[in-house]
């Protein structure tokens, strides 16, 4: 029932221009009052490609290019995360993203020596996070990565390659450390 009401509110929000909805989102990121958590959900639902039920978006979470992001159900994105969907991001069900983590779905090139690096081309690269994934705090997930089901990424990890089902990834850059069945 609650999510039906929230979805109805998000449909009404779609009547507002996209820039106004992003502004409303930014104005409501500062606290974790239940009403603001619900309103953030409604705003994100009005901007993203797909969103499931029970999606928690914490304080000061920065979301860019929401039109290229899909959220499953039972997803929690904790305080101070940065998620940029420019190249496409799919987040499955039962995913927890701990505080101060980043997900980037694009990267800069540096091949054109005539212009500064920051003005070189940007390459899109999708990020897929499957169901039942736990992402530790301060993790950085880079573009062109698939994190398969039932995996854990340790705090502070830089993920620059795929993580297979049922494994623990850790380190800078990430290395596959253990099979979760062996723990």
C-alpha atoms as a PDB file:
ATOM      1  CA  UNK A   1       0.000   0.000   0.000  1.00  0.00           C
ATOM      2  CA  UNK A   2       2.755   2.455   0.961  1.00  0.00           C
ATOM      3  CA  UNK A   3       4.666   1.876  -2.261  1.00  0.00           C
ATOM      4  CA  UNK A   4       1.482   2.381  -4.316  1.00  0.00           C
ATOM      5  CA  UNK A   5       1.120   5.826  -2.741  1.00  0.00           C
ATOM      6  CA  UNK A   6       4.807   6.605  -3.317  1.00  0.00           C
ATOM      7  CA  UNK A   7       4.530   5.516  -6.955  1.00  0.00           C
ATOM      8  CA  UNK A   8       1.470   7.746  -7.406  1.00  0.00           C
ATOM      9  CA  UNK A   9       3.443  10.689  -6.006  1.00  0.00           C
ATOM     10  CA  UNK A  10       6.346   9.901  -8.349  1.00  0.00           C
ATOM     11  CA  UNK A  11       3.939   9.930 -11.323  1.00  0.00           C
ATOM     12  CA  UNK A  12       2.756  13.380 -10.278  1.00  0.00           C
ATOM     13  CA  UNK A  13       6.361  14.532  -9.966  1.00  0.00           C
ATOM     14  CA  UNK A  14       6.909  13.544 -13.608  1.00  0.00           C
ATOM     15  CA  UNK A  15       4.794  16.567 -14.503  1.00  0.00           C
ATOM     16  CA  UNK A  16       7.677  18.761 -13.331  1.00  0.00           C
ATOM     17  CA  UNK A  17      10.665  19.439 -15.595  1.00  0.00           C
ATOM     18  CA  UNK A  18      13.659  17.157 -15.019  1.00  0.00           C
ATOM     19  CA  UNK A  19      15.830  20.002 -13.704  1.00  0.00           C
ATOM     20  CA  UNK A  20      13.197  20.879 -11.095  1.00  0.00           C
ATOM     21  CA  UNK A  21      13.065  17.261  -9.908  1.00  0.00           C
ATOM     22  CA  UNK A  22      16.862  17.147  -9.581  1.00  0.00           C
ATOM     23  CA  UNK A  23      16.713  20.398  -7.605  1.00  0.00           C
ATOM     24  CA  UNK A  24      14.037  18.945  -5.302  1.00  0.00           C
ATOM     25  CA  UNK A  25      16.235  15.891  -4.793  1.00  0.00           C
ATOM     26  CA  UNK A  26      19.244  18.028  -3.859  1.00  0.00           C
ATOM     27  CA  UNK A  27      17.123  20.033  -1.408  1.00  0.00           C
ATOM     28  CA  UNK A  28      16.029  16.820   0.340  1.00  0.00           C
ATOM     29  CA  UNK A  29      19.334  15.013   0.816  1.00  0.00           C
ATOM     30  CA  UNK A  30      20.331  16.497   4.177  1.00  0.00           C
ATOM     31  CA  UNK A  31      18.473  14.331   6.708  1.00  0.00           C
ATOM     32  CA  UNK A  32      17.162  10.830   7.174  1.00  0.00           C
ATOM     33  CA  UNK A  33      13.703  11.769   8.415  1.00  0.00           C
ATOM     34  CA  UNK A  34      11.207   9.170   7.207  1.00  0.00           C
ATOM     35  CA  UNK A  35       9.274  11.740   5.206  1.00  0.00           C
ATOM     36  CA  UNK A  36      12.435  12.841   3.393  1.00  0.00           C
ATOM     37  CA  UNK A  37      13.509   9.255   2.711  1.00  0.00           C
ATOM     38  CA  UNK A  38      10.079   8.636   1.180  1.00  0.00           C
ATOM     39  CA  UNK A  39      10.223  11.856  -0.839  1.00  0.00           C
ATOM     40  CA  UNK A  40      13.722  11.002  -2.134  1.00  0.00           C
ATOM     41  CA  UNK A  41      12.334   7.641  -3.255  1.00  0.00           C
ATOM     42  CA  UNK A  42       9.508   9.404  -5.122  1.00  0.00           C
ATOM     43  CA  UNK A  43      11.862  11.829  -6.847  1.00  0.00           C
ATOM     44  CA  UNK A  44      14.308   9.093  -7.858  1.00  0.00           C
ATOM     45  CA  UNK A  45      11.413   6.933  -9.100  1.00  0.00           C
ATOM     46  CA  UNK A  46      10.305   9.820 -11.316  1.00  0.00           C
ATOM     47  CA  UNK A  47      13.790  10.141 -12.847  1.00  0.00           C
ATOM     48  CA  UNK A  48      15.263   6.636 -13.140  1.00  0.00           C
ATOM     49  CA  UNK A  49      14.619   3.892 -15.683  1.00  0.00           C
ATOM     50  CA  UNK A  50      13.237   1.408 -13.147  1.00  0.00           C
ATOM     51  CA  UNK A  51      12.933   1.164  -9.369  1.00  0.00           C
ATOM     52  CA  UNK A  52      11.705  -1.640  -7.140  1.00  0.00           C
ATOM     53  CA  UNK A  53      10.136  -1.486  -3.695  1.00  0.00           C
ATOM     54  CA  UNK A  54      11.977  -0.732  -0.474  1.00  0.00           C
ATOM     55  CA  UNK A  55      14.832   1.341  -1.904  1.00  0.00           C
ATOM     56  CA  UNK A  56      16.631   3.410   0.741  1.00  0.00           C
ATOM     57  CA  UNK A  57      18.730   6.386  -0.355  1.00  0.00           C
ATOM     58  CA  UNK A  58      20.700   7.898   2.527  1.00  0.00           C
ATOM     59  CA  UNK A  59      21.841  11.435   3.274  1.00  0.00           C
ATOM     60  CA  UNK A  60      23.942  13.330   0.765  1.00  0.00           C
ATOM     61  CA  UNK A  61      23.858  10.595  -1.877  1.00  0.00           C
ATOM     62  CA  UNK A  62      24.769  12.138  -5.227  1.00  0.00           C
ATOM     63  CA  UNK A  63      22.925  10.574  -8.176  1.00  0.00           C
ATOM     64  CA  UNK A  64      23.782  11.620 -11.740  1.00  0.00           C
ATOM     65  CA  UNK A  65      22.185  10.540 -15.027  1.00  0.00           C
ATOM     66  CA  UNK A  66      19.327   8.727 -13.286  1.00  0.00           C
ATOM     67  CA  UNK A  67      17.692   8.114 -16.659  1.00  0.00           C
ATOM     68  CA  UNK A  68      20.358   5.402 -17.178  1.00  0.00           C
ATOM     69  CA  UNK A  69      20.029   3.711 -13.772  1.00  0.00           C
ATOM     70  CA  UNK A  70      17.840   0.747 -12.741  1.00  0.00           C
ATOM     71  CA  UNK A  71      17.257  -0.181  -9.091  1.00  0.00           C
ATOM     72  CA  UNK A  72      15.903  -3.539  -7.936  1.00  0.00           C
ATOM     73  CA  UNK A  73      13.980  -4.069  -4.691  1.00  0.00           C
ATOM     74  CA  UNK A  74      15.444  -4.036  -1.181  1.00  0.00           C
ATOM     75  CA  UNK A  75      18.360  -1.812  -2.165  1.00  0.00           C
ATOM     76  CA  UNK A  76      20.114   0.410   0.364  1.00  0.00           C
ATOM     77  CA  UNK A  77      22.482   3.180  -0.673  1.00  0.00           C
ATOM     78  CA  UNK A  78      23.997   4.699   2.434  1.00  0.00           C
ATOM     79  CA  UNK A  79      25.200   8.220   3.177  1.00  0.00           C
ATOM     80  CA  UNK A  80      27.709  10.097   1.020  1.00  0.00           C
ATOM     81  CA  UNK A  81      27.699   7.744  -2.000  1.00  0.00           C
ATOM     82  CA  UNK A  82      28.259   8.969  -5.565  1.00  0.00           C
ATOM     83  CA  UNK A  83      26.577   7.113  -8.436  1.00  0.00           C
ATOM     84  CA  UNK A  84      26.900   8.319 -12.043  1.00  0.00           C
ATOM     85  CA  UNK A  85      24.770   6.432 -14.551  1.00  0.00           C
ATOM     86  CA  UNK A  86      26.119   8.067 -17.717  1.00  0.00           C
ATOM     87  CA  UNK A  87      27.128   4.696 -19.214  1.00  0.00           C
ATOM     88  CA  UNK A  88      24.301   2.700 -17.627  1.00  0.00           C
ATOM     89  CA  UNK A  89      23.978   1.049 -14.216  1.00  0.00           C
ATOM     90  CA  UNK A  90      21.777  -1.881 -13.184  1.00  0.00           C
ATOM     91  CA  UNK A  91      21.487  -2.679  -9.488  1.00  0.00           C
ATOM     92  CA  UNK A  92      19.732  -5.951  -8.637  1.00  0.00           C
ATOM     93  CA  UNK A  93      17.640  -6.962  -5.628  1.00  0.00           C
ATOM     94  CA  UNK A  94      18.934  -7.178  -2.052  1.00  0.00           C
ATOM     95  CA  UNK A  95      21.980  -4.973  -2.630  1.00  0.00           C
ATOM     96  CA  UNK A  96      23.615  -2.912   0.114  1.00  0.00           C
ATOM     97  CA  UNK A  97      26.032  -0.130  -0.806  1.00  0.00           C
ATOM     98  CA  UNK A  98      27.841   1.165   2.285  1.00  0.00           C
ATOM     99  CA  UNK A  99      28.629   4.826   2.916  1.00  0.00           C
ATOM    100  CA  UNK A 100      31.114   6.851   0.863  1.00  0.00           C
ATOM    101  CA  UNK A 101      31.162   4.431  -2.080  1.00  0.00           C
ATOM    102  CA  UNK A 102      31.229   5.434  -5.757  1.00  0.00           C
ATOM    103  CA  UNK A 103      29.939   3.779  -8.912  1.00  0.00           C
ATOM    104  CA  UNK A 104      31.158   5.215 -12.227  1.00  0.00           C
ATOM    105  CA  UNK A 105      29.847   4.023 -15.583  1.00  0.00           C
ATOM    106  CA  UNK A 106      32.186   6.069 -17.761  1.00  0.00           C
ATOM    107  CA  UNK A 107      35.847   7.022 -17.971  1.00  0.00           C
ATOM    108  CA  UNK A 108      38.023   9.671 -19.595  1.00  0.00           C
ATOM    109  CA  UNK A 109      40.428   9.070 -22.441  1.00  0.00           C
ATOM    110  CA  UNK A 110      43.743  10.883 -22.779  1.00  0.00           C
ATOM    111  CA  UNK A 111      44.731  10.084 -26.366  1.00  0.00           C
ATOM    112  CA  UNK A 112      44.159  13.507 -27.931  1.00  0.00           C
ATOM    113  CA  UNK A 113      47.313  15.468 -27.057  1.00  0.00           C
ATOM    114  CA  UNK A 114      45.955  18.672 -28.617  1.00  0.00           C
ATOM    115  CA  UNK A 115      43.423  19.258 -25.828  1.00  0.00           C
ATOM    116  CA  UNK A 116      43.720  18.896 -22.035  1.00  0.00           C
ATOM    117  CA  UNK A 117      42.880  15.457 -20.659  1.00  0.00           C
ATOM    118  CA  UNK A 118      39.713  16.703 -18.977  1.00  0.00           C
ATOM    119  CA  UNK A 119      38.343  17.672 -22.419  1.00  0.00           C
ATOM    120  CA  UNK A 120      39.186  14.352 -24.099  1.00  0.00           C
ATOM    121  CA  UNK A 121      36.393  11.964 -25.035  1.00  0.00           C
ATOM    122  CA  UNK A 122      34.403  10.126 -22.390  1.00  0.00           C
ATOM    123  CA  UNK A 123      33.823   6.410 -22.895  1.00  0.00           C
ATOM    124  CA  UNK A 124      30.618   4.840 -21.570  1.00  0.00           C
ATOM    125  CA  UNK A 125      30.908   1.482 -19.840  1.00  0.00           C
ATOM    126  CA  UNK A 126      27.980  -0.195 -18.078  1.00  0.00           C
ATOM    127  CA  UNK A 127      28.059  -1.456 -14.505  1.00  0.00           C
ATOM    128  CA  UNK A 128      25.899  -4.434 -13.545  1.00  0.00           C
ATOM    129  CA  UNK A 129      25.449  -5.340  -9.897  1.00  0.00           C
ATOM    130  CA  UNK A 130      23.484  -8.580  -9.584  1.00  0.00           C
ATOM    131  CA  UNK A 131      21.242  -9.730  -6.722  1.00  0.00           C
ATOM    132  CA  UNK A 132      22.457 -10.263  -3.147  1.00  0.00           C
ATOM    133  CA  UNK A 133      25.594  -8.107  -3.200  1.00  0.00           C
ATOM    134  CA  UNK A 134      27.212  -6.330  -0.257  1.00  0.00           C
ATOM    135  CA  UNK A 135      29.503  -3.425  -1.127  1.00  0.00           C
ATOM    136  CA  UNK A 136      31.731  -2.248   1.741  1.00  0.00           C
ATOM    137  CA  UNK A 137      32.302   1.401   2.636  1.00  0.00           C
ATOM    138  CA  UNK A 138      34.601   3.524   0.515  1.00  0.00           C
ATOM    139  CA  UNK A 139      34.481   1.135  -2.435  1.00  0.00           C
ATOM    140  CA  UNK A 140      35.030   2.479  -5.955  1.00  0.00           C
ATOM    141  CA  UNK A 141      33.371   0.560  -8.793  1.00  0.00           C
ATOM    142  CA  UNK A 142      34.677   1.565 -12.206  1.00  0.00           C
ATOM    143  CA  UNK A 143      33.034   1.221 -15.629  1.00  0.00           C
ATOM    144  CA  UNK A 144      32.680  -2.015 -17.627  1.00  0.00           C
ATOM    145  CA  UNK A 145      32.276  -4.186 -14.538  1.00  0.00           C
ATOM    146  CA  UNK A 146      29.844  -6.987 -13.668  1.00  0.00           C
ATOM    147  CA  UNK A 147      29.440  -8.032 -10.057  1.00  0.00           C
ATOM    148  CA  UNK A 148      27.657 -11.363  -9.996  1.00  0.00           C
ATOM    149  CA  UNK A 149      25.213 -12.751  -7.415  1.00  0.00           C
ATOM    150  CA  UNK A 150      25.932 -13.361  -3.743  1.00  0.00           C
ATOM    151  CA  UNK A 151      29.215 -11.495  -3.574  1.00  0.00           C
ATOM    152  CA  UNK A 152      30.933  -9.258  -1.051  1.00  0.00           C
ATOM    153  CA  UNK A 153      33.290  -6.401  -1.842  1.00  0.00           C
ATOM    154  CA  UNK A 154      35.513  -5.412   1.084  1.00  0.00           C
ATOM    155  CA  UNK A 155      35.754  -1.822   2.295  1.00  0.00           C
ATOM    156  CA  UNK A 156      38.121   0.420   0.348  1.00  0.00           C
ATOM    157  CA  UNK A 157      38.282  -1.825  -2.714  1.00  0.00           C
ATOM    158  CA  UNK A 158      38.720  -0.469  -6.239  1.00  0.00           C
ATOM    159  CA  UNK A 159      36.690  -2.728  -8.526  1.00  0.00           C
ATOM    160  CA  UNK A 160      38.084  -2.665 -12.068  1.00  0.00           C
ATOM    161  CA  UNK A 161      37.160  -6.198 -13.192  1.00  0.00           C
ATOM    162  CA  UNK A 162      34.287  -8.648 -12.888  1.00  0.00           C
ATOM    163  CA  UNK A 163      33.587 -10.498  -9.639  1.00  0.00           C
ATOM    164  CA  UNK A 164      32.168 -14.024 -10.085  1.00  0.00           C
ATOM    165  CA  UNK A 165      29.240 -15.482  -8.137  1.00  0.00           C
ATOM    166  CA  UNK A 166      29.844 -16.379  -4.518  1.00  0.00           C
ATOM    167  CA  UNK A 167      33.203 -14.678  -4.007  1.00  0.00           C
ATOM    168  CA  UNK A 168      34.819 -12.020  -1.835  1.00  0.00           C
ATOM    169  CA  UNK A 169      36.746  -9.286  -3.639  1.00  0.00           C
ATOM    170  CA  UNK A 170      39.201  -6.961  -1.890  1.00  0.00           C
ATOM    171  CA  UNK A 171      42.189  -4.746  -2.537  1.00  0.00           C
ATOM    172  CA  UNK A 172      43.501  -1.950  -4.714  1.00  0.00           C
ATOM    173  CA  UNK A 173      42.956  -3.010  -7.427  1.00  0.00           C
ATOM    174  CA  UNK A 174      40.469  -5.738  -6.534  1.00  0.00           C
ATOM    175  CA  UNK A 175      41.606  -9.316  -6.337  1.00  0.00           C
ATOM    176  CA  UNK A 176      39.335 -12.302  -5.839  1.00  0.00           C
ATOM    177  CA  UNK A 177      40.196 -13.404  -2.299  1.00  0.00           C
ATOM    178  CA  UNK A 178      37.868 -16.237  -1.310  1.00  0.00           C
ATOM    179  CA  UNK A 179      34.925 -18.334  -2.304  1.00  0.00           C
ATOM    180  CA  UNK A 180      32.170 -17.510   0.203  1.00  0.00           C
ATOM    181  CA  UNK A 181      31.349 -21.225   0.511  1.00  0.00           C
ATOM    182  CA  UNK A 182      34.804 -21.762   2.025  1.00  0.00           C
ATOM    183  CA  UNK A 183      34.395 -19.157   4.771  1.00  0.00           C
END
